[in-house]
C-alpha atoms as a PDB file:
ATOM      1  CA  UNK A   1      19.406 -31.114  16.562  1.00  0.00           C
ATOM      2  CA  UNK A   2      22.679 -29.227  16.576  1.00  0.00           C
ATOM      3  CA  UNK A   3      25.135 -29.120  19.442  1.00  0.00           C
ATOM      4  CA  UNK A   4      24.443 -25.393  19.864  1.00  0.00           C
ATOM      5  CA  UNK A   5      20.709 -26.026  20.151  1.00  0.00           C
ATOM      6  CA  UNK A   6      21.358 -28.493  22.950  1.00  0.00           C
ATOM      7  CA  UNK A   7      23.654 -26.210  24.958  1.00  0.00           C
ATOM      8  CA  UNK A   8      22.346 -22.646  24.441  1.00  0.00           C
ATOM      9  CA  UNK A   9      19.196 -21.780  26.419  1.00  0.00           C
ATOM     10  CA  UNK A  10      16.126 -20.759  24.416  1.00  0.00           C
ATOM     11  CA  UNK A  11      16.109 -17.242  25.874  1.00  0.00           C
ATOM     12  CA  UNK A  12      19.455 -16.522  24.144  1.00  0.00           C
ATOM     13  CA  UNK A  13      18.130 -17.621  20.748  1.00  0.00           C
ATOM     14  CA  UNK A  14      14.926 -15.541  20.686  1.00  0.00           C
ATOM     15  CA  UNK A  15      14.923 -13.046  17.807  1.00  0.00           C
ATOM     16  CA  UNK A  16      18.272 -14.109  16.342  1.00  0.00           C
ATOM     17  CA  UNK A  17      16.800 -15.261  13.004  1.00  0.00           C
ATOM     18  CA  UNK A  18      14.453 -12.279  12.561  1.00  0.00           C
ATOM     19  CA  UNK A  19      15.533  -9.562  10.159  1.00  0.00           C
ATOM     20  CA  UNK A  20      15.881  -6.145  11.763  1.00  0.00           C
ATOM     21  CA  UNK A  21      15.751  -3.997   8.639  1.00  0.00           C
ATOM     22  CA  UNK A  22      12.864  -1.755   9.719  1.00  0.00           C
ATOM     23  CA  UNK A  23      11.217  -2.143   6.319  1.00  0.00           C
ATOM     24  CA  UNK A  24       7.578  -1.280   5.748  1.00  0.00           C
ATOM     25  CA  UNK A  25       4.993  -4.067   5.325  1.00  0.00           C
ATOM     26  CA  UNK A  26       5.177  -5.782   1.931  1.00  0.00           C
ATOM     27  CA  UNK A  27       2.729  -5.409  -0.940  1.00  0.00           C
ATOM     28  CA  UNK A  28       0.853  -2.174  -0.022  1.00  0.00           C
ATOM     29  CA  UNK A  29      -0.585  -1.869  -3.552  1.00  0.00           C
ATOM     30  CA  UNK A  30      -1.840  -5.454  -3.547  1.00  0.00           C
ATOM     31  CA  UNK A  31      -3.431  -4.960  -0.123  1.00  0.00           C
ATOM     32  CA  UNK A  32      -5.276  -1.799  -1.199  1.00  0.00           C
ATOM     33  CA  UNK A  33      -6.604  -3.459  -4.359  1.00  0.00           C
ATOM     34  CA  UNK A  34      -7.730  -6.502  -2.349  1.00  0.00           C
ATOM     35  CA  UNK A  35      -9.641  -4.327   0.140  1.00  0.00           C
ATOM     36  CA  UNK A  36     -11.334  -2.428  -2.717  1.00  0.00           C
ATOM     37  CA  UNK A  37     -12.369  -5.692  -4.369  1.00  0.00           C
ATOM     38  CA  UNK A  38     -13.681  -7.040  -1.061  1.00  0.00           C
ATOM     39  CA  UNK A  39     -15.758  -3.886  -0.528  1.00  0.00           C
ATOM     40  CA  UNK A  40     -17.162  -4.257  -4.049  1.00  0.00           C
ATOM     41  CA  UNK A  41     -18.010  -7.865  -3.322  1.00  0.00           C
ATOM     42  CA  UNK A  42     -19.949  -6.861  -0.194  1.00  0.00           C
ATOM     43  CA  UNK A  43     -21.778  -4.180  -2.216  1.00  0.00           C
ATOM     44  CA  UNK A  44     -22.829  -6.721  -4.853  1.00  0.00           C
ATOM     45  CA  UNK A  45     -23.956  -9.147  -2.134  1.00  0.00           C
ATOM     46  CA  UNK A  46     -26.012  -6.400  -0.447  1.00  0.00           C
ATOM     47  CA  UNK A  47     -27.715  -5.607  -3.761  1.00  0.00           C
ATOM     48  CA  UNK A  48     -28.320  -9.312  -4.418  1.00  0.00           C
ATOM     49  CA  UNK A  49     -29.977  -9.826  -1.009  1.00  0.00           C
ATOM     50  CA  UNK A  50     -32.006  -6.623  -1.433  1.00  0.00           C
ATOM     51  CA  UNK A  51     -30.347  -4.846   1.470  1.00  0.00           C
ATOM     52  CA  UNK A  52     -29.585  -2.016  -0.965  1.00  0.00           C
ATOM     53  CA  UNK A  53     -32.113  -1.250  -3.686  1.00  0.00           C
ATOM     54  CA  UNK A  54     -30.549   0.916  -6.394  1.00  0.00           C
END
């Protein structure tokens, strides 16, 4: 533990290490592809369990 950690109250240290760049969430393309694949997986499962009969 550093000397600063022992003397500075926790309320003064909150948010000091967090970047404040205002950037958008990372990996939007990867997230969209993952959601599409998950939806396809649910569709295949519904067909497999005869919830959807094509």
